[in-house]
Amino acid sequence: MAYDIVITEDAERQLRGFPARQCRFVEDAILARLVHEPTKISQAIKRLRPNPFAEYELRVSDIRVLYNVEDDKVVLLLIGRKVGNKLVVEGQEFHGHKDDPPQPPGSGSSPDAE
């Protein structure tokens, strides 16, 4: 079964923030690994510990793609660079693994904003 790849606006913007060569490299990895077996654990695909943001991570060199699998779709949620033990997205450290994570960079207002 082939899965449809859906990319959120935030993830699209984050991907386009990389140099063109890296962008193509990530796009090729997404098509090669996530279209047919997005949940098959490998060196490139990791199931994340339970968290409120994403269930899976695709590793492409030092770039990480966080995504969920919903029925017949793979939803790309976030694309960032791994720097040491931190995930940096659009120049900011991402903390989506926490119980009450802040919104990903660029997603608009915080959950507490009224």
N, C-alpha and C. Protein backbone atom coordinates (compact mmCIF):
# COMPACT_ATOMS: atom_id res chain seq x y z
N MET A 1 0.84 -1.18 0.00
CA MET A 1 0.00 0.00 0.00
C MET A 1 0.89 1.24 0.00
N ALA A 2 0.59 2.18 -0.86
CA ALA A 2 1.33 3.44 -0.90
C ALA A 2 0.60 4.48 -0.05
N TYR A 3 1.36 5.17 0.76
CA TYR A 3 0.82 6.23 1.61
C TYR A 3 0.94 7.57 0.89
N ASP A 4 -0.04 8.43 1.11
CA ASP A 4 0.03 9.80 0.61
C ASP A 4 0.88 10.60 1.58
N ILE A 5 1.73 11.46 1.05
CA ILE A 5 2.56 12.33 1.88
C ILE A 5 1.88 13.69 1.96
N VAL A 6 1.58 14.12 3.18
CA VAL A 6 0.95 15.43 3.42
C VAL A 6 1.94 16.24 4.24
N ILE A 7 2.23 17.44 3.80
CA ILE A 7 3.17 18.29 4.52
C ILE A 7 2.44 19.52 5.04
N THR A 8 2.61 19.79 6.33
CA THR A 8 1.96 20.97 6.91
C THR A 8 2.65 22.22 6.39
N GLU A 9 1.98 23.35 6.52
CA GLU A 9 2.57 24.63 6.10
C GLU A 9 3.87 24.89 6.85
N ASP A 10 3.87 24.62 8.15
CA ASP A 10 5.07 24.84 8.95
C ASP A 10 6.23 23.98 8.45
N ALA A 11 5.97 22.70 8.21
CA ALA A 11 7.03 21.80 7.75
C ALA A 11 7.52 22.20 6.36
N GLU A 12 6.62 22.65 5.51
CA GLU A 12 7.01 23.11 4.16
C GLU A 12 7.95 24.31 4.27
N ARG A 13 7.60 25.26 5.11
CA ARG A 13 8.44 26.45 5.31
C ARG A 13 9.80 26.05 5.89
N GLN A 14 9.79 25.14 6.86
CA GLN A 14 11.03 24.69 7.48
C GLN A 14 11.93 23.99 6.46
N LEU A 15 11.34 23.16 5.62
CA LEU A 15 12.11 22.46 4.59
C LEU A 15 12.73 23.46 3.62
N ARG A 16 11.96 24.44 3.19
CA ARG A 16 12.46 25.44 2.24
C ARG A 16 13.53 26.33 2.85
N GLY A 17 13.69 26.31 4.16
CA GLY A 17 14.73 27.08 4.82
C GLY A 17 16.12 26.45 4.69
N PHE A 18 16.19 25.21 4.24
CA PHE A 18 17.47 24.54 4.03
C PHE A 18 18.00 24.88 2.64
N PRO A 19 19.31 24.78 2.45
CA PRO A 19 19.85 24.97 1.10
C PRO A 19 19.21 23.98 0.12
N ALA A 20 19.16 24.36 -1.14
CA ALA A 20 18.46 23.56 -2.16
C ALA A 20 18.95 22.11 -2.21
N ARG A 21 20.24 21.90 -2.10
CA ARG A 21 20.77 20.55 -2.17
C ARG A 21 20.27 19.69 -1.01
N GLN A 22 20.29 20.24 0.21
CA GLN A 22 19.79 19.50 1.37
C GLN A 22 18.28 19.28 1.26
N CYS A 23 17.58 20.25 0.73
CA CYS A 23 16.14 20.14 0.55
C CYS A 23 15.82 18.95 -0.37
N ARG A 24 16.53 18.84 -1.48
CA ARG A 24 16.32 17.71 -2.40
C ARG A 24 16.68 16.39 -1.73
N PHE A 25 17.74 16.39 -0.95
CA PHE A 25 18.18 15.19 -0.25
C PHE A 25 17.09 14.70 0.71
N VAL A 26 16.49 15.63 1.45
CA VAL A 26 15.41 15.30 2.38
C VAL A 26 14.18 14.83 1.61
N GLU A 27 13.82 15.53 0.55
CA GLU A 27 12.66 15.13 -0.25
C GLU A 27 12.84 13.72 -0.81
N ASP A 28 14.04 13.41 -1.30
CA ASP A 28 14.31 12.06 -1.82
C ASP A 28 14.17 11.01 -0.73
N ALA A 29 14.67 11.30 0.47
CA ALA A 29 14.57 10.36 1.58
C ALA A 29 13.11 10.14 1.99
N ILE A 30 12.33 11.21 1.99
CA ILE A 30 10.91 11.10 2.33
C ILE A 30 10.21 10.17 1.34
N LEU A 31 10.46 10.39 0.06
CA LEU A 31 9.81 9.55 -0.96
C LEU A 31 10.31 8.11 -0.90
N ALA A 32 11.59 7.91 -0.64
CA ALA A 32 12.15 6.56 -0.61
C ALA A 32 11.71 5.77 0.62
N ARG A 33 11.55 6.43 1.75
CA ARG A 33 11.32 5.69 2.99
C ARG A 33 9.89 5.76 3.53
N LEU A 34 9.16 6.81 3.22
CA LEU A 34 7.86 6.99 3.87
C LEU A 34 6.66 6.65 3.00
N VAL A 35 6.84 6.50 1.71
CA VAL A 35 5.69 6.23 0.84
C VAL A 35 5.16 4.81 1.05
N HIS A 36 6.04 3.84 1.26
CA HIS A 36 5.58 2.45 1.36
C HIS A 36 5.63 1.86 2.76
N GLU A 37 6.61 2.20 3.58
CA GLU A 37 6.72 1.60 4.91
C GLU A 37 7.11 2.65 5.95
N PRO A 38 6.22 3.61 6.22
CA PRO A 38 6.57 4.69 7.14
C PRO A 38 6.68 4.27 8.60
N THR A 39 6.17 3.09 8.95
CA THR A 39 6.23 2.65 10.34
C THR A 39 7.27 1.55 10.58
N LYS A 40 7.99 1.18 9.52
CA LYS A 40 9.01 0.13 9.65
C LYS A 40 10.26 0.73 10.29
N ILE A 41 10.57 0.30 11.50
CA ILE A 41 11.69 0.83 12.27
C ILE A 41 13.00 0.40 11.60
N SER A 42 13.92 1.34 11.47
CA SER A 42 15.22 1.09 10.86
C SER A 42 16.20 2.09 11.43
N GLN A 43 17.41 2.15 10.87
CA GLN A 43 18.36 3.15 11.32
C GLN A 43 17.87 4.55 10.97
N ALA A 44 17.09 4.67 9.92
CA ALA A 44 16.60 5.99 9.48
C ALA A 44 15.25 6.35 10.12
N ILE A 45 14.45 5.36 10.49
CA ILE A 45 13.13 5.63 11.05
C ILE A 45 13.09 5.15 12.50
N LYS A 46 12.68 6.05 13.36
CA LYS A 46 12.63 5.75 14.79
C LYS A 46 11.23 6.08 15.30
N ARG A 47 10.69 5.20 16.12
CA ARG A 47 9.45 5.51 16.81
C ARG A 47 9.81 6.26 18.08
N LEU A 48 9.20 7.41 18.26
CA LEU A 48 9.52 8.25 19.41
C LEU A 48 8.79 7.78 20.66
N ARG A 49 9.36 8.14 21.80
CA ARG A 49 8.64 7.89 23.05
C ARG A 49 7.31 8.62 22.99
N PRO A 50 6.28 8.12 23.67
CA PRO A 50 4.98 8.80 23.62
C PRO A 50 5.11 10.28 23.96
N ASN A 51 4.58 11.11 23.09
CA ASN A 51 4.60 12.55 23.30
C ASN A 51 3.42 13.16 22.56
N PRO A 52 3.06 14.39 22.87
CA PRO A 52 1.86 14.99 22.27
C PRO A 52 2.07 15.55 20.86
N PHE A 53 3.29 15.44 20.31
CA PHE A 53 3.53 16.08 19.03
C PHE A 53 3.63 15.12 17.86
N ALA A 54 4.54 14.16 17.91
CA ALA A 54 4.77 13.27 16.77
C ALA A 54 5.10 11.86 17.26
N GLU A 55 4.79 10.89 16.41
CA GLU A 55 5.02 9.50 16.77
C GLU A 55 6.31 8.94 16.17
N TYR A 56 6.73 9.50 15.02
CA TYR A 56 7.90 8.96 14.32
C TYR A 56 8.88 10.05 13.94
N GLU A 57 10.13 9.62 13.72
CA GLU A 57 11.19 10.51 13.29
C GLU A 57 11.93 9.86 12.14
N LEU A 58 12.13 10.61 11.06
CA LEU A 58 12.97 10.17 9.95
C LEU A 58 14.29 10.91 10.07
N ARG A 59 15.38 10.16 10.05
CA ARG A 59 16.71 10.74 10.16
C ARG A 59 17.33 10.79 8.77
N VAL A 60 17.73 11.99 8.38
CA VAL A 60 18.39 12.19 7.09
C VAL A 60 19.65 13.00 7.39
N SER A 61 20.76 12.31 7.58
CA SER A 61 22.00 12.95 8.01
C SER A 61 21.74 13.65 9.34
N ASP A 62 21.94 14.96 9.43
CA ASP A 62 21.68 15.66 10.69
C ASP A 62 20.31 16.34 10.69
N ILE A 63 19.50 16.03 9.71
CA ILE A 63 18.15 16.61 9.62
C ILE A 63 17.14 15.58 10.14
N ARG A 64 16.15 16.08 10.88
CA ARG A 64 15.11 15.22 11.43
C ARG A 64 13.75 15.67 10.91
N VAL A 65 12.95 14.70 10.49
CA VAL A 65 11.59 14.95 10.03
C VAL A 65 10.67 14.24 11.01
N LEU A 66 9.84 15.00 11.74
CA LEU A 66 8.89 14.41 12.68
C LEU A 66 7.56 14.28 11.97
N TYR A 67 6.94 13.10 12.13
CA TYR A 67 5.70 12.85 11.39
C TYR A 67 4.80 11.88 12.14
N ASN A 68 3.54 11.86 11.72
CA ASN A 68 2.55 10.90 12.20
C ASN A 68 2.01 10.14 11.01
N VAL A 69 1.52 8.94 11.27
CA VAL A 69 0.86 8.14 10.25
C VAL A 69 -0.61 8.06 10.62
N GLU A 70 -1.47 8.51 9.72
CA GLU A 70 -2.91 8.54 9.95
C GLU A 70 -3.61 7.84 8.79
N ASP A 71 -4.15 6.67 9.06
CA ASP A 71 -4.80 5.86 8.03
C ASP A 71 -3.84 5.64 6.87
N ASP A 72 -4.13 6.22 5.70
CA ASP A 72 -3.28 6.02 4.53
C ASP A 72 -2.45 7.25 4.21
N LYS A 73 -2.21 8.10 5.23
CA LYS A 73 -1.44 9.33 5.04
C LYS A 73 -0.27 9.40 6.01
N VAL A 74 0.81 9.98 5.53
CA VAL A 74 1.95 10.33 6.37
C VAL A 74 1.91 11.85 6.45
N VAL A 75 1.76 12.38 7.66
CA VAL A 75 1.67 13.82 7.85
C VAL A 75 2.99 14.33 8.41
N LEU A 76 3.71 15.10 7.60
CA LEU A 76 4.98 15.69 8.02
C LEU A 76 4.68 16.92 8.85
N LEU A 77 5.15 16.92 10.09
CA LEU A 77 4.81 17.98 11.03
C LEU A 77 5.91 19.00 11.24
N LEU A 78 7.16 18.55 11.23
CA LEU A 78 8.26 19.43 11.59
C LEU A 78 9.54 18.92 10.96
N ILE A 79 10.38 19.86 10.52
CA ILE A 79 11.67 19.50 9.94
C ILE A 79 12.72 20.41 10.57
N GLY A 80 13.71 19.80 11.20
CA GLY A 80 14.74 20.58 11.87
C GLY A 80 16.09 19.90 11.78
N ARG A 81 17.08 20.54 12.36
CA ARG A 81 18.44 20.04 12.33
C ARG A 81 18.85 19.60 13.74
N LYS A 82 19.44 18.44 13.82
CA LYS A 82 19.95 17.92 15.08
C LYS A 82 21.33 18.54 15.33
N VAL A 83 21.47 19.24 16.45
CA VAL A 83 22.73 19.87 16.83
C VAL A 83 23.06 19.36 18.23
N GLY A 84 24.01 18.45 18.31
CA GLY A 84 24.30 17.81 19.59
C GLY A 84 23.11 16.98 20.00
N ASN A 85 22.57 17.26 21.19
CA ASN A 85 21.38 16.54 21.63
C ASN A 85 20.13 17.41 21.53
N LYS A 86 20.19 18.46 20.73
CA LYS A 86 19.06 19.38 20.58
C LYS A 86 18.53 19.34 19.15
N LEU A 87 17.23 19.57 19.02
CA LEU A 87 16.61 19.71 17.71
C LEU A 87 16.36 21.20 17.51
N VAL A 88 16.98 21.76 16.48
CA VAL A 88 16.85 23.18 16.20
C VAL A 88 15.96 23.36 14.98
N VAL A 89 14.88 24.13 15.18
CA VAL A 89 13.91 24.38 14.12
C VAL A 89 13.81 25.89 13.93
N GLU A 90 14.10 26.33 12.73
CA GLU A 90 14.05 27.75 12.41
C GLU A 90 14.82 28.59 13.43
N GLY A 91 16.01 28.10 13.82
CA GLY A 91 16.87 28.85 14.72
C GLY A 91 16.54 28.74 16.20
N GLN A 92 15.49 27.99 16.55
CA GLN A 92 15.09 27.85 17.95
C GLN A 92 15.10 26.38 18.35
N GLU A 93 15.49 26.14 19.61
CA GLU A 93 15.46 24.77 20.11
C GLU A 93 14.01 24.32 20.28
N PHE A 94 13.72 23.11 19.81
CA PHE A 94 12.37 22.57 19.88
C PHE A 94 12.24 21.65 21.08
N HIS A 95 11.14 21.81 21.83
CA HIS A 95 10.90 21.01 23.04
C HIS A 95 9.58 20.26 22.95
N GLY A 96 9.24 19.72 21.82
CA GLY A 96 7.95 19.06 21.62
C GLY A 96 7.78 17.76 22.36
N HIS A 97 8.85 17.25 22.97
CA HIS A 97 8.76 15.99 23.71
C HIS A 97 8.23 16.17 25.12
N LYS A 98 8.08 17.42 25.56
CA LYS A 98 7.60 17.66 26.92
C LYS A 98 6.09 17.47 26.99
N ASP A 99 5.57 17.30 28.22
CA ASP A 99 4.15 17.06 28.41
C ASP A 99 3.28 18.22 27.92
N ASP A 100 3.75 19.45 28.10
CA ASP A 100 3.00 20.63 27.67
C ASP A 100 3.90 21.45 26.75
N PRO A 101 4.12 20.96 25.52
CA PRO A 101 5.10 21.60 24.66
C PRO A 101 4.63 22.96 24.16
N PRO A 102 5.60 23.86 23.93
CA PRO A 102 5.24 25.11 23.26
C PRO A 102 4.89 24.80 21.81
N GLN A 103 4.26 25.73 21.15
CA GLN A 103 3.94 25.54 19.73
C GLN A 103 5.25 25.50 18.95
N PRO A 104 5.29 24.75 17.86
CA PRO A 104 6.50 24.75 17.04
C PRO A 104 6.76 26.17 16.53
N PRO A 105 8.01 26.52 16.30
CA PRO A 105 8.30 27.86 15.80
C PRO A 105 7.51 28.16 14.55
N GLY A 106 6.96 29.37 14.49
CA GLY A 106 6.24 29.81 13.31
C GLY A 106 4.80 29.35 13.23
N SER A 107 4.28 28.69 14.27
CA SER A 107 2.91 28.17 14.18
C SER A 107 1.88 29.16 14.70
N GLY A 108 2.29 30.39 14.92
CA GLY A 108 1.32 31.37 15.37
C GLY A 108 1.41 31.60 16.86
N SER A 109 0.27 31.82 17.48
CA SER A 109 0.24 32.18 18.90
C SER A 109 0.46 30.97 19.79
N SER A 110 0.86 31.25 21.01
CA SER A 110 1.05 30.18 21.99
C SER A 110 -0.31 29.70 22.48
N PRO A 111 -0.38 28.51 23.10
CA PRO A 111 -1.66 27.98 23.55
C PRO A 111 -2.31 28.85 24.63
N ASP A 112 -1.51 29.66 25.35
CA ASP A 112 -2.06 30.49 26.42
C ASP A 112 -2.53 31.85 25.94
N ALA A 113 -2.23 32.18 24.69
CA ALA A 113 -2.62 33.50 24.16
C ALA A 113 -4.12 33.58 23.97
N GLU A 114 -4.67 34.74 24.26
CA GLU A 114 -6.11 34.92 24.09
C GLU A 114 -6.40 36.05 23.15
